[in-house]
Amino acid sequence: MNVRPVPKPSKKPKPRPKEAPSILQDRKECYITGAVTNLHKHHIFGGNPNRQHSDEYGCWIWLSADLHNLSKDGVHFNKELDLALKREAQSRFEAIWGREKFIEVFGKSYL
């Protein structure tokens, strides 16, 4: 008996969301310290779908690993730093697209 294998359906990769340049910085260095090594990309507005919106509208920055998520001072554990970055990003966003657009995209104001 000759058995032919059934071909698996091909899975198309999901398209990556558009990634805009950061609206907060133009160099790959820690936004806070200026360090140029051991950097992590931080999406200022996280969660689904805000992480993708952060990519699309450039609401992301480079942070040193310690200031990102590898110490208690990192933005993921420091609510004051997190809110300060959200407010700065919102101000820059609004200067480009306005407050109505910000709330339409991210759902609320941090200012």
PDB file of N, CA and C in Angstrom:
ATOM      1  N   MET A   1       0.828  -1.163   0.000  1.00  0.00           N
ATOM      2  CA  MET A   1       0.000   0.000   0.000  1.00  0.00           C
ATOM      3  C   MET A   1       0.882   1.239   0.000  1.00  0.00           C
ATOM      4  N   ASN A   2       0.608   2.110  -0.891  1.00  0.00           N
ATOM      5  CA  ASN A   2       1.370   3.338  -1.049  1.00  0.00           C
ATOM      6  C   ASN A   2       0.623   4.484  -0.373  1.00  0.00           C
ATOM      7  N   VAL A   3       1.202   5.028   0.716  1.00  0.00           N
ATOM      8  CA  VAL A   3       0.556   6.116   1.449  1.00  0.00           C
ATOM      9  C   VAL A   3       1.300   7.409   1.153  1.00  0.00           C
ATOM     10  N   ARG A   4       0.564   8.347   0.685  1.00  0.00           N
ATOM     11  CA  ARG A   4       1.159   9.650   0.408  1.00  0.00           C
ATOM     12  C   ARG A   4       0.927  10.563   1.597  1.00  0.00           C
ATOM     13  N   PRO A   5       1.951  11.271   2.035  1.00  0.00           N
ATOM     14  CA  PRO A   5       1.757  12.192   3.156  1.00  0.00           C
ATOM     15  C   PRO A   5       0.847  13.350   2.750  1.00  0.00           C
ATOM     16  N   VAL A   6       0.042  13.753   3.690  1.00  0.00           N
ATOM     17  CA  VAL A   6      -0.848  14.885   3.458  1.00  0.00           C
ATOM     18  C   VAL A   6      -0.048  16.159   3.725  1.00  0.00           C
ATOM     19  N   PRO A   7       0.007  17.032   2.753  1.00  0.00           N
ATOM     20  CA  PRO A   7       0.775  18.256   2.977  1.00  0.00           C
ATOM     21  C   PRO A   7       0.115  19.119   4.045  1.00  0.00           C
ATOM     22  N   LYS A   8       0.944  19.699   4.890  1.00  0.00           N
ATOM     23  CA  LYS A   8       0.431  20.608   5.912  1.00  0.00           C
ATOM     24  C   LYS A   8       0.091  21.940   5.255  1.00  0.00           C
ATOM     25  N   PRO A   9      -0.976  22.534   5.709  1.00  0.00           N
ATOM     26  CA  PRO A   9      -1.288  23.855   5.143  1.00  0.00           C
ATOM     27  C   PRO A   9      -0.197  24.846   5.538  1.00  0.00           C
ATOM     28  N   SER A  10       0.150  25.682   4.594  1.00  0.00           N
ATOM     29  CA  SER A  10       1.206  26.649   4.897  1.00  0.00           C
ATOM     30  C   SER A  10       0.626  27.774   5.748  1.00  0.00           C
ATOM     31  N   LYS A  11       1.374  28.123   6.782  1.00  0.00           N
ATOM     32  CA  LYS A  11       0.955  29.225   7.633  1.00  0.00           C
ATOM     33  C   LYS A  11       1.669  30.476   7.164  1.00  0.00           C
ATOM     34  N   LYS A  12       0.884  31.473   6.880  1.00  0.00           N
ATOM     35  CA  LYS A  12       1.479  32.742   6.496  1.00  0.00           C
ATOM     36  C   LYS A  12       1.871  33.478   7.768  1.00  0.00           C
ATOM     37  N   PRO A  13       3.058  34.048   7.788  1.00  0.00           N
ATOM     38  CA  PRO A  13       3.438  34.807   8.983  1.00  0.00           C
ATOM     39  C   PRO A  13       2.544  36.032   9.136  1.00  0.00           C
ATOM     40  N   LYS A  14       2.257  36.365  10.395  1.00  0.00           N
ATOM     41  CA  LYS A  14       1.454  37.553  10.648  1.00  0.00           C
ATOM     42  C   LYS A  14       2.246  38.775  10.218  1.00  0.00           C
ATOM     43  N   PRO A  15       1.582  39.711   9.575  1.00  0.00           N
ATOM     44  CA  PRO A  15       2.313  40.924   9.199  1.00  0.00           C
ATOM     45  C   PRO A  15       2.692  41.707  10.449  1.00  0.00           C
ATOM     46  N   ARG A  16       3.906  42.214  10.466  1.00  0.00           N
ATOM     47  CA  ARG A  16       4.357  43.014  11.595  1.00  0.00           C
ATOM     48  C   ARG A  16       3.724  44.395  11.495  1.00  0.00           C
ATOM     49  N   PRO A  17       3.338  44.933  12.638  1.00  0.00           N
ATOM     50  CA  PRO A  17       2.781  46.284  12.588  1.00  0.00           C
ATOM     51  C   PRO A  17       3.840  47.284  12.144  1.00  0.00           C
ATOM     52  N   LYS A  18       3.366  48.378  11.584  1.00  0.00           N
ATOM     53  CA  LYS A  18       4.299  49.419  11.174  1.00  0.00           C
ATOM     54  C   LYS A  18       5.054  49.919  12.395  1.00  0.00           C
ATOM     55  N   GLU A  19       6.329  50.188  12.229  1.00  0.00           N
ATOM     56  CA  GLU A  19       7.122  50.729  13.328  1.00  0.00           C
ATOM     57  C   GLU A  19       7.652  52.088  12.927  1.00  0.00           C
ATOM     58  N   ALA A  20       7.140  53.103  13.587  1.00  0.00           N
ATOM     59  CA  ALA A  20       7.586  54.466  13.332  1.00  0.00           C
ATOM     60  C   ALA A  20       8.820  54.760  14.174  1.00  0.00           C
ATOM     61  N   PRO A  21       9.640  55.695  13.742  1.00  0.00           N
ATOM     62  CA  PRO A  21      10.751  56.125  14.591  1.00  0.00           C
ATOM     63  C   PRO A  21      10.196  56.719  15.880  1.00  0.00           C
ATOM     64  N   SER A  22      10.966  56.653  16.929  1.00  0.00           N
ATOM     65  CA  SER A  22      10.548  57.209  18.211  1.00  0.00           C
ATOM     66  C   SER A  22      10.284  58.703  18.085  1.00  0.00           C
ATOM     67  N   ILE A  23       9.190  59.167  18.689  1.00  0.00           N
ATOM     68  CA  ILE A  23       8.912  60.604  18.701  1.00  0.00           C
ATOM     69  C   ILE A  23       9.635  61.288  19.864  1.00  0.00           C
ATOM     70  N   LEU A  24      10.303  60.490  20.696  1.00  0.00           N
ATOM     71  CA  LEU A  24      10.974  61.036  21.871  1.00  0.00           C
ATOM     72  C   LEU A  24      12.494  61.102  21.736  1.00  0.00           C
ATOM     73  N   GLN A  25      13.064  60.293  20.883  1.00  0.00           N
ATOM     74  CA  GLN A  25      14.517  60.325  20.736  1.00  0.00           C
ATOM     75  C   GLN A  25      14.912  59.903  19.336  1.00  0.00           C
ATOM     76  N   ASP A  26      16.095  60.367  18.916  1.00  0.00           N
ATOM     77  CA  ASP A  26      16.548  60.058  17.561  1.00  0.00           C
ATOM     78  C   ASP A  26      17.849  59.262  17.532  1.00  0.00           C
ATOM     79  N   ARG A  27      18.370  58.905  18.717  1.00  0.00           N
ATOM     80  CA  ARG A  27      19.583  58.093  18.770  1.00  0.00           C
ATOM     81  C   ARG A  27      19.345  56.861  19.624  1.00  0.00           C
ATOM     82  N   LYS A  28      20.069  55.795  19.322  1.00  0.00           N
ATOM     83  CA  LYS A  28      19.951  54.567  20.104  1.00  0.00           C
ATOM     84  C   LYS A  28      20.848  54.695  21.324  1.00  0.00           C
ATOM     85  N   GLU A  29      20.270  55.271  22.366  1.00  0.00           N
ATOM     86  CA  GLU A  29      20.936  55.419  23.647  1.00  0.00           C
ATOM     87  C   GLU A  29      19.867  55.458  24.730  1.00  0.00           C
ATOM     88  N   CYS A  30      20.254  55.155  25.956  1.00  0.00           N
ATOM     89  CA  CYS A  30      19.293  55.178  27.049  1.00  0.00           C
ATOM     90  C   CYS A  30      18.686  56.575  27.146  1.00  0.00           C
ATOM     91  N   TYR A  31      17.386  56.639  27.154  1.00  0.00           N
ATOM     92  CA  TYR A  31      16.673  57.909  27.200  1.00  0.00           C
ATOM     93  C   TYR A  31      17.004  58.697  28.464  1.00  0.00           C
ATOM     94  N   ILE A  32      17.313  57.999  29.537  1.00  0.00           N
ATOM     95  CA  ILE A  32      17.547  58.655  30.824  1.00  0.00           C
ATOM     96  C   ILE A  32      19.031  58.910  31.081  1.00  0.00           C
ATOM     97  N   THR A  33      19.878  57.908  30.838  1.00  0.00           N
ATOM     98  CA  THR A  33      21.298  58.041  31.194  1.00  0.00           C
ATOM     99  C   THR A  33      22.217  58.344  30.015  1.00  0.00           C
ATOM    100  N   GLY A  34      21.778  58.053  28.804  1.00  0.00           N
ATOM    101  CA  GLY A  34      22.633  58.238  27.635  1.00  0.00           C
ATOM    102  C   GLY A  34      23.550  57.059  27.354  1.00  0.00           C
ATOM    103  N   ALA A  35      23.433  55.979  28.150  1.00  0.00           N
ATOM    104  CA  ALA A  35      24.251  54.783  27.913  1.00  0.00           C
ATOM    105  C   ALA A  35      23.951  54.211  26.526  1.00  0.00           C
ATOM    106  N   VAL A  36      24.954  53.572  25.929  1.00  0.00           N
ATOM    107  CA  VAL A  36      24.777  53.043  24.576  1.00  0.00           C
ATOM    108  C   VAL A  36      24.894  51.519  24.506  1.00  0.00           C
ATOM    109  N   THR A  37      25.070  50.857  25.646  1.00  0.00           N
ATOM    110  CA  THR A  37      25.158  49.402  25.653  1.00  0.00           C
ATOM    111  C   THR A  37      24.065  48.823  26.541  1.00  0.00           C
ATOM    112  N   ASN A  38      23.755  47.552  26.292  1.00  0.00           N
ATOM    113  CA  ASN A  38      22.767  46.819  27.081  1.00  0.00           C
ATOM    114  C   ASN A  38      21.427  47.542  27.111  1.00  0.00           C
ATOM    115  N   LEU A  39      20.923  47.870  25.925  1.00  0.00           N
ATOM    116  CA  LEU A  39      19.689  48.636  25.803  1.00  0.00           C
ATOM    117  C   LEU A  39      18.495  47.728  25.539  1.00  0.00           C
ATOM    118  N   HIS A  40      17.349  48.143  26.063  1.00  0.00           N
ATOM    119  CA  HIS A  40      16.078  47.465  25.815  1.00  0.00           C
ATOM    120  C   HIS A  40      15.119  48.489  25.209  1.00  0.00           C
ATOM    121  N   LYS A  41      14.307  48.033  24.272  1.00  0.00           N
ATOM    122  CA  LYS A  41      13.276  48.898  23.706  1.00  0.00           C
ATOM    123  C   LYS A  41      12.074  48.876  24.649  1.00  0.00           C
ATOM    124  N   HIS A  42      11.632  50.053  25.082  1.00  0.00           N
ATOM    125  CA  HIS A  42      10.487  50.154  25.988  1.00  0.00           C
ATOM    126  C   HIS A  42       9.314  50.808  25.262  1.00  0.00           C
ATOM    127  N   HIS A  43       8.202  50.076  25.186  1.00  0.00           N
ATOM    128  CA  HIS A  43       6.962  50.622  24.641  1.00  0.00           C
ATOM    129  C   HIS A  43       6.274  51.375  25.777  1.00  0.00           C
ATOM    130  N   ILE A  44       6.101  52.657  25.622  1.00  0.00           N
ATOM    131  CA  ILE A  44       5.605  53.486  26.717  1.00  0.00           C
ATOM    132  C   ILE A  44       4.177  53.125  27.088  1.00  0.00           C
ATOM    133  N   PHE A  45       3.369  52.801  26.114  1.00  0.00           N
ATOM    134  CA  PHE A  45       2.004  52.382  26.382  1.00  0.00           C
ATOM    135  C   PHE A  45       1.916  50.892  26.065  1.00  0.00           C
ATOM    136  N   GLY A  46       1.826  50.089  27.103  1.00  0.00           N
ATOM    137  CA  GLY A  46       1.863  48.640  26.929  1.00  0.00           C
ATOM    138  C   GLY A  46       0.483  48.015  26.880  1.00  0.00           C
ATOM    139  N   GLY A  47       0.485  46.713  26.782  1.00  0.00           N
ATOM    140  CA  GLY A  47      -0.759  45.961  26.716  1.00  0.00           C
ATOM    141  C   GLY A  47      -1.252  45.858  25.287  1.00  0.00           C
ATOM    142  N   ASN A  48      -2.305  45.109  25.134  1.00  0.00           N
ATOM    143  CA  ASN A  48      -2.874  44.884  23.810  1.00  0.00           C
ATOM    144  C   ASN A  48      -4.092  45.775  23.654  1.00  0.00           C
ATOM    145  N   PRO A  49      -4.211  46.617  22.683  1.00  0.00           N
ATOM    146  CA  PRO A  49      -3.365  46.813  21.500  1.00  0.00           C
ATOM    147  C   PRO A  49      -2.379  47.974  21.633  1.00  0.00           C
ATOM    148  N   ASN A  50      -2.231  48.541  22.832  1.00  0.00           N
ATOM    149  CA  ASN A  50      -1.416  49.753  22.965  1.00  0.00           C
ATOM    150  C   ASN A  50       0.055  49.544  22.642  1.00  0.00           C
ATOM    151  N   ARG A  51       0.567  48.340  22.834  1.00  0.00           N
ATOM    152  CA  ARG A  51       1.962  48.081  22.464  1.00  0.00           C
ATOM    153  C   ARG A  51       2.139  48.270  20.952  1.00  0.00           C
ATOM    154  N   GLN A  52       1.199  47.754  20.174  1.00  0.00           N
ATOM    155  CA  GLN A  52       1.263  47.922  18.720  1.00  0.00           C
ATOM    156  C   GLN A  52       1.075  49.388  18.329  1.00  0.00           C
ATOM    157  N   HIS A  53       0.167  50.074  19.029  1.00  0.00           N
ATOM    158  CA  HIS A  53      -0.027  51.502  18.750  1.00  0.00           C
ATOM    159  C   HIS A  53       1.240  52.296  19.085  1.00  0.00           C
ATOM    160  N   SER A  54       1.928  51.899  20.160  1.00  0.00           N
ATOM    161  CA  SER A  54       3.180  52.567  20.512  1.00  0.00           C
ATOM    162  C   SER A  54       4.194  52.430  19.381  1.00  0.00           C
ATOM    163  N   ASP A  55       4.278  51.253  18.779  1.00  0.00           N
ATOM    164  CA  ASP A  55       5.158  51.064  17.623  1.00  0.00           C
ATOM    165  C   ASP A  55       4.713  51.938  16.456  1.00  0.00           C
ATOM    166  N   GLU A  56       3.436  51.918  16.170  1.00  0.00           N
ATOM    167  CA  GLU A  56       2.900  52.614  15.003  1.00  0.00           C
ATOM    168  C   GLU A  56       3.083  54.134  15.093  1.00  0.00           C
ATOM    169  N   TYR A  57       2.962  54.686  16.294  1.00  0.00           N
ATOM    170  CA  TYR A  57       3.041  56.135  16.466  1.00  0.00           C
ATOM    171  C   TYR A  57       4.363  56.615  17.067  1.00  0.00           C
ATOM    172  N   GLY A  58       5.318  55.710  17.258  1.00  0.00           N
ATOM    173  CA  GLY A  58       6.636  56.105  17.743  1.00  0.00           C
ATOM    174  C   GLY A  58       6.698  56.401  19.229  1.00  0.00           C
ATOM    175  N   CYS A  59       5.791  55.818  19.997  1.00  0.00           N
ATOM    176  CA  CYS A  59       5.769  56.039  21.450  1.00  0.00           C
ATOM    177  C   CYS A  59       6.599  54.966  22.146  1.00  0.00           C
ATOM    178  N   TRP A  60       7.871  54.959  21.853  1.00  0.00           N
ATOM    179  CA  TRP A  60       8.801  54.009  22.458  1.00  0.00           C
ATOM    180  C   TRP A  60      10.159  54.699  22.608  1.00  0.00           C
ATOM    181  N   ILE A  61      10.964  54.144  23.532  1.00  0.00           N
ATOM    182  CA  ILE A  61      12.290  54.693  23.797  1.00  0.00           C
ATOM    183  C   ILE A  61      13.254  53.549  24.084  1.00  0.00           C
ATOM    184  N   TRP A  62      14.534  53.877  24.067  1.00  0.00           N
ATOM    185  CA  TRP A  62      15.567  52.944  24.506  1.00  0.00           C
ATOM    186  C   TRP A  62      15.870  53.225  25.976  1.00  0.00           C
ATOM    187  N   LEU A  63      15.970  52.160  26.768  1.00  0.00           N
ATOM    188  CA  LEU A  63      16.344  52.270  28.172  1.00  0.00           C
ATOM    189  C   LEU A  63      17.435  51.254  28.476  1.00  0.00           C
ATOM    190  N   SER A  64      18.318  51.604  29.405  1.00  0.00           N
ATOM    191  CA  SER A  64      19.283  50.611  29.864  1.00  0.00           C
ATOM    192  C   SER A  64      18.505  49.486  30.536  1.00  0.00           C
ATOM    193  N   ALA A  65      19.083  48.303  30.555  1.00  0.00           N
ATOM    194  CA  ALA A  65      18.387  47.134  31.105  1.00  0.00           C
ATOM    195  C   ALA A  65      17.918  47.389  32.536  1.00  0.00           C
ATOM    196  N   ASP A  66      18.751  48.016  33.352  1.00  0.00           N
ATOM    197  CA  ASP A  66      18.368  48.293  34.738  1.00  0.00           C
ATOM    198  C   ASP A  66      17.169  49.231  34.829  1.00  0.00           C
ATOM    199  N   LEU A  67      17.124  50.223  33.952  1.00  0.00           N
ATOM    200  CA  LEU A  67      16.011  51.163  33.998  1.00  0.00           C
ATOM    201  C   LEU A  67      14.781  50.638  33.272  1.00  0.00           C
ATOM    202  N   HIS A  68      14.928  49.506  32.591  1.00  0.00           N
ATOM    203  CA  HIS A  68      13.774  48.899  31.929  1.00  0.00           C
ATOM    204  C   HIS A  68      13.105  47.903  32.864  1.00  0.00           C
ATOM    205  N   ASN A  69      13.731  46.738  33.076  1.00  0.00           N
ATOM    206  CA  ASN A  69      13.055  45.721  33.896  1.00  0.00           C
ATOM    207  C   ASN A  69      14.001  44.833  34.707  1.00  0.00           C
ATOM    208  N   LEU A  70      15.266  45.223  34.853  1.00  0.00           N
ATOM    209  CA  LEU A  70      16.204  44.368  35.570  1.00  0.00           C
ATOM    210  C   LEU A  70      16.585  44.890  36.956  1.00  0.00           C
ATOM    211  N   SER A  71      15.861  45.880  37.448  1.00  0.00           N
ATOM    212  CA  SER A  71      16.077  46.337  38.822  1.00  0.00           C
ATOM    213  C   SER A  71      14.782  46.949  39.338  1.00  0.00           C
ATOM    214  N   LYS A  72      14.727  47.162  40.647  1.00  0.00           N
ATOM    215  CA  LYS A  72      13.520  47.749  41.241  1.00  0.00           C
ATOM    216  C   LYS A  72      13.320  49.189  40.789  1.00  0.00           C
ATOM    217  N   ASP A  73      14.348  49.809  40.242  1.00  0.00           N
ATOM    218  CA  ASP A  73      14.235  51.173  39.731  1.00  0.00           C
ATOM    219  C   ASP A  73      13.734  51.220  38.290  1.00  0.00           C
ATOM    220  N   GLY A  74      13.591  50.058  37.666  1.00  0.00           N
ATOM    221  CA  GLY A  74      13.147  49.997  36.279  1.00  0.00           C
ATOM    222  C   GLY A  74      11.726  50.497  36.108  1.00  0.00           C
ATOM    223  N   VAL A  75      11.436  50.963  34.912  1.00  0.00           N
ATOM    224  CA  VAL A  75      10.138  51.560  34.611  1.00  0.00           C
ATOM    225  C   VAL A  75       8.972  50.591  34.852  1.00  0.00           C
ATOM    226  N   HIS A  76       9.210  49.301  34.731  1.00  0.00           N
ATOM    227  CA  HIS A  76       8.126  48.339  34.944  1.00  0.00           C
ATOM    228  C   HIS A  76       7.800  48.143  36.426  1.00  0.00           C
ATOM    229  N   PHE A  77       8.640  48.682  37.308  1.00  0.00           N
ATOM    230  CA  PHE A  77       8.410  48.561  38.747  1.00  0.00           C
ATOM    231  C   PHE A  77       8.305  49.920  39.429  1.00  0.00           C
ATOM    232  N   ASN A  78       8.624  50.970  38.740  1.00  0.00           N
ATOM    233  CA  ASN A  78       8.642  52.321  39.292  1.00  0.00           C
ATOM    234  C   ASN A  78       7.493  53.115  38.671  1.00  0.00           C
ATOM    235  N   LYS A  79       6.383  53.224  39.401  1.00  0.00           N
ATOM    236  CA  LYS A  79       5.172  53.861  38.866  1.00  0.00           C
ATOM    237  C   LYS A  79       5.377  55.344  38.565  1.00  0.00           C
ATOM    238  N   GLU A  80       6.209  56.018  39.347  1.00  0.00           N
ATOM    239  CA  GLU A  80       6.460  57.441  39.092  1.00  0.00           C
ATOM    240  C   GLU A  80       7.176  57.641  37.756  1.00  0.00           C
ATOM    241  N   LEU A  81       8.190  56.827  37.503  1.00  0.00           N
ATOM    242  CA  LEU A  81       8.910  56.906  36.233  1.00  0.00           C
ATOM    243  C   LEU A  81       7.979  56.538  35.073  1.00  0.00           C
ATOM    244  N   ASP A  82       7.190  55.498  35.257  1.00  0.00           N
ATOM    245  CA  ASP A  82       6.248  55.069  34.224  1.00  0.00           C
ATOM    246  C   ASP A  82       5.294  56.210  33.861  1.00  0.00           C
ATOM    247  N   LEU A  83       4.703  56.847  34.858  1.00  0.00           N
ATOM    248  CA  LEU A  83       3.758  57.930  34.606  1.00  0.00           C
ATOM    249  C   LEU A  83       4.454  59.132  33.969  1.00  0.00           C
ATOM    250  N   ALA A  84       5.659  59.449  34.417  1.00  0.00           N
ATOM    251  CA  ALA A  84       6.395  60.578  33.834  1.00  0.00           C
ATOM    252  C   ALA A  84       6.657  60.345  32.344  1.00  0.00           C
ATOM    253  N   LEU A  85       7.044  59.113  31.981  1.00  0.00           N
ATOM    254  CA  LEU A  85       7.285  58.798  30.565  1.00  0.00           C
ATOM    255  C   LEU A  85       5.989  58.834  29.759  1.00  0.00           C
ATOM    256  N   LYS A  86       4.906  58.338  30.342  1.00  0.00           N
ATOM    257  CA  LYS A  86       3.608  58.383  29.655  1.00  0.00           C
ATOM    258  C   LYS A  86       3.189  59.824  29.390  1.00  0.00           C
ATOM    259  N   ARG A  87       3.376  60.684  30.383  1.00  0.00           N
ATOM    260  CA  ARG A  87       2.990  62.090  30.222  1.00  0.00           C
ATOM    261  C   ARG A  87       3.847  62.787  29.172  1.00  0.00           C
ATOM    262  N   GLU A  88       5.132  62.510  29.171  1.00  0.00           N
ATOM    263  CA  GLU A  88       6.002  63.126  28.174  1.00  0.00           C
ATOM    264  C   GLU A  88       5.647  62.638  26.768  1.00  0.00           C
ATOM    265  N   ALA A  89       5.409  61.335  26.639  1.00  0.00           N
ATOM    266  CA  ALA A  89       5.044  60.788  25.329  1.00  0.00           C
ATOM    267  C   ALA A  89       3.705  61.357  24.860  1.00  0.00           C
ATOM    268  N   GLN A  90       2.748  61.473  25.770  1.00  0.00           N
ATOM    269  CA  GLN A  90       1.458  62.034  25.383  1.00  0.00           C
ATOM    270  C   GLN A  90       1.609  63.477  24.922  1.00  0.00           C
ATOM    271  N   SER A  91       2.406  64.264  25.622  1.00  0.00           N
ATOM    272  CA  SER A  91       2.622  65.662  25.220  1.00  0.00           C
ATOM    273  C   SER A  91       3.214  65.752  23.821  1.00  0.00           C
ATOM    274  N   ARG A  92       4.206  64.906  23.540  1.00  0.00           N
ATOM    275  CA  ARG A  92       4.813  64.912  22.199  1.00  0.00           C
ATOM    276  C   ARG A  92       3.804  64.442  21.147  1.00  0.00           C
ATOM    277  N   PHE A  93       3.058  63.385  21.474  1.00  0.00           N
ATOM    278  CA  PHE A  93       2.041  62.866  20.554  1.00  0.00           C
ATOM    279  C   PHE A  93       1.047  63.967  20.220  1.00  0.00           C
ATOM    280  N   GLU A  94       0.551  64.656  21.257  1.00  0.00           N
ATOM    281  CA  GLU A  94      -0.461  65.693  21.056  1.00  0.00           C
ATOM    282  C   GLU A  94       0.066  66.864  20.242  1.00  0.00           C
ATOM    283  N   ALA A  95       1.355  67.163  20.368  1.00  0.00           N
ATOM    284  CA  ALA A  95       1.944  68.234  19.567  1.00  0.00           C
ATOM    285  C   ALA A  95       1.896  67.895  18.083  1.00  0.00           C
ATOM    286  N   ILE A  96       1.882  66.607  17.773  1.00  0.00           N
ATOM    287  CA  ILE A  96       1.856  66.163  16.375  1.00  0.00           C
ATOM    288  C   ILE A  96       0.427  65.924  15.892  1.00  0.00           C
ATOM    289  N   TRP A  97      -0.354  65.142  16.660  1.00  0.00           N
ATOM    290  CA  TRP A  97      -1.668  64.703  16.197  1.00  0.00           C
ATOM    291  C   TRP A  97      -2.855  65.243  17.003  1.00  0.00           C
ATOM    292  N   GLY A  98      -2.624  65.805  18.170  1.00  0.00           N
ATOM    293  CA  GLY A  98      -3.705  66.365  18.971  1.00  0.00           C
ATOM    294  C   GLY A  98      -4.239  65.407  20.028  1.00  0.00           C
ATOM    295  N   ARG A  99      -4.928  65.976  21.022  1.00  0.00           N
ATOM    296  CA  ARG A  99      -5.437  65.184  22.148  1.00  0.00           C
ATOM    297  C   ARG A  99      -6.546  64.223  21.730  1.00  0.00           C
ATOM    298  N   GLU A 100      -7.444  64.662  20.869  1.00  0.00           N
ATOM    299  CA  GLU A 100      -8.537  63.769  20.448  1.00  0.00           C
ATOM    300  C   GLU A 100      -7.978  62.489  19.830  1.00  0.00           C
ATOM    301  N   LYS A 101      -6.964  62.625  19.000  1.00  0.00           N
ATOM    302  CA  LYS A 101      -6.353  61.456  18.366  1.00  0.00           C
ATOM    303  C   LYS A 101      -5.680  60.574  19.417  1.00  0.00           C
ATOM    304  N   PHE A 102      -5.011  61.203  20.406  1.00  0.00           N
ATOM    305  CA  PHE A 102      -4.360  60.413  21.451  1.00  0.00           C
ATOM    306  C   PHE A 102      -5.388  59.552  22.182  1.00  0.00           C
ATOM    307  N   ILE A 103      -6.482  60.145  22.586  1.00  0.00           N
ATOM    308  CA  ILE A 103      -7.505  59.404  23.327  1.00  0.00           C
ATOM    309  C   ILE A 103      -8.159  58.356  22.423  1.00  0.00           C
ATOM    310  N   GLU A 104      -8.335  58.669  21.161  1.00  0.00           N
ATOM    311  CA  GLU A 104      -8.879  57.686  20.209  1.00  0.00           C
ATOM    312  C   GLU A 104      -7.964  56.471  20.117  1.00  0.00           C
ATOM    313  N   VAL A 105      -6.649  56.700  20.079  1.00  0.00           N
ATOM    314  CA  VAL A 105      -5.685  55.610  19.907  1.00  0.00           C
ATOM    315  C   VAL A 105      -5.426  54.874  21.224  1.00  0.00           C
ATOM    316  N   PHE A 106      -5.165  55.609  22.306  1.00  0.00           N
ATOM    317  CA  PHE A 106      -4.727  54.975  23.565  1.00  0.00           C
ATOM    318  C   PHE A 106      -5.812  54.893  24.644  1.00  0.00           C
ATOM    319  N   GLY A 107      -6.966  55.471  24.394  1.00  0.00           N
ATOM    320  CA  GLY A 107      -8.111  55.254  25.260  1.00  0.00           C
ATOM    321  C   GLY A 107      -8.301  56.195  26.428  1.00  0.00           C
ATOM    322  N   LYS A 108      -7.256  56.906  26.848  1.00  0.00           N
ATOM    323  CA  LYS A 108      -7.398  57.857  27.949  1.00  0.00           C
ATOM    324  C   LYS A 108      -6.217  58.804  27.972  1.00  0.00           C
ATOM    325  N   SER A 109      -6.378  59.863  28.759  1.00  0.00           N
ATOM    326  CA  SER A 109      -5.321  60.857  28.907  1.00  0.00           C
ATOM    327  C   SER A 109      -4.558  60.587  30.201  1.00  0.00           C
ATOM    328  N   TYR A 110      -3.243  60.805  30.142  1.00  0.00           N
ATOM    329  CA  TYR A 110      -2.378  60.670  31.320  1.00  0.00           C
ATOM    330  C   TYR A 110      -1.976  62.034  31.863  1.00  0.00           C
ATOM    331  N   LEU A 111      -2.429  63.091  31.227  1.00  0.00           N
ATOM    332  CA  LEU A 111      -2.078  64.459  31.661  1.00  0.00           C
ATOM    333  C   LEU A 111      -3.104  64.995  32.646  1.00  0.00           C
TER     334      LEU A 111
END
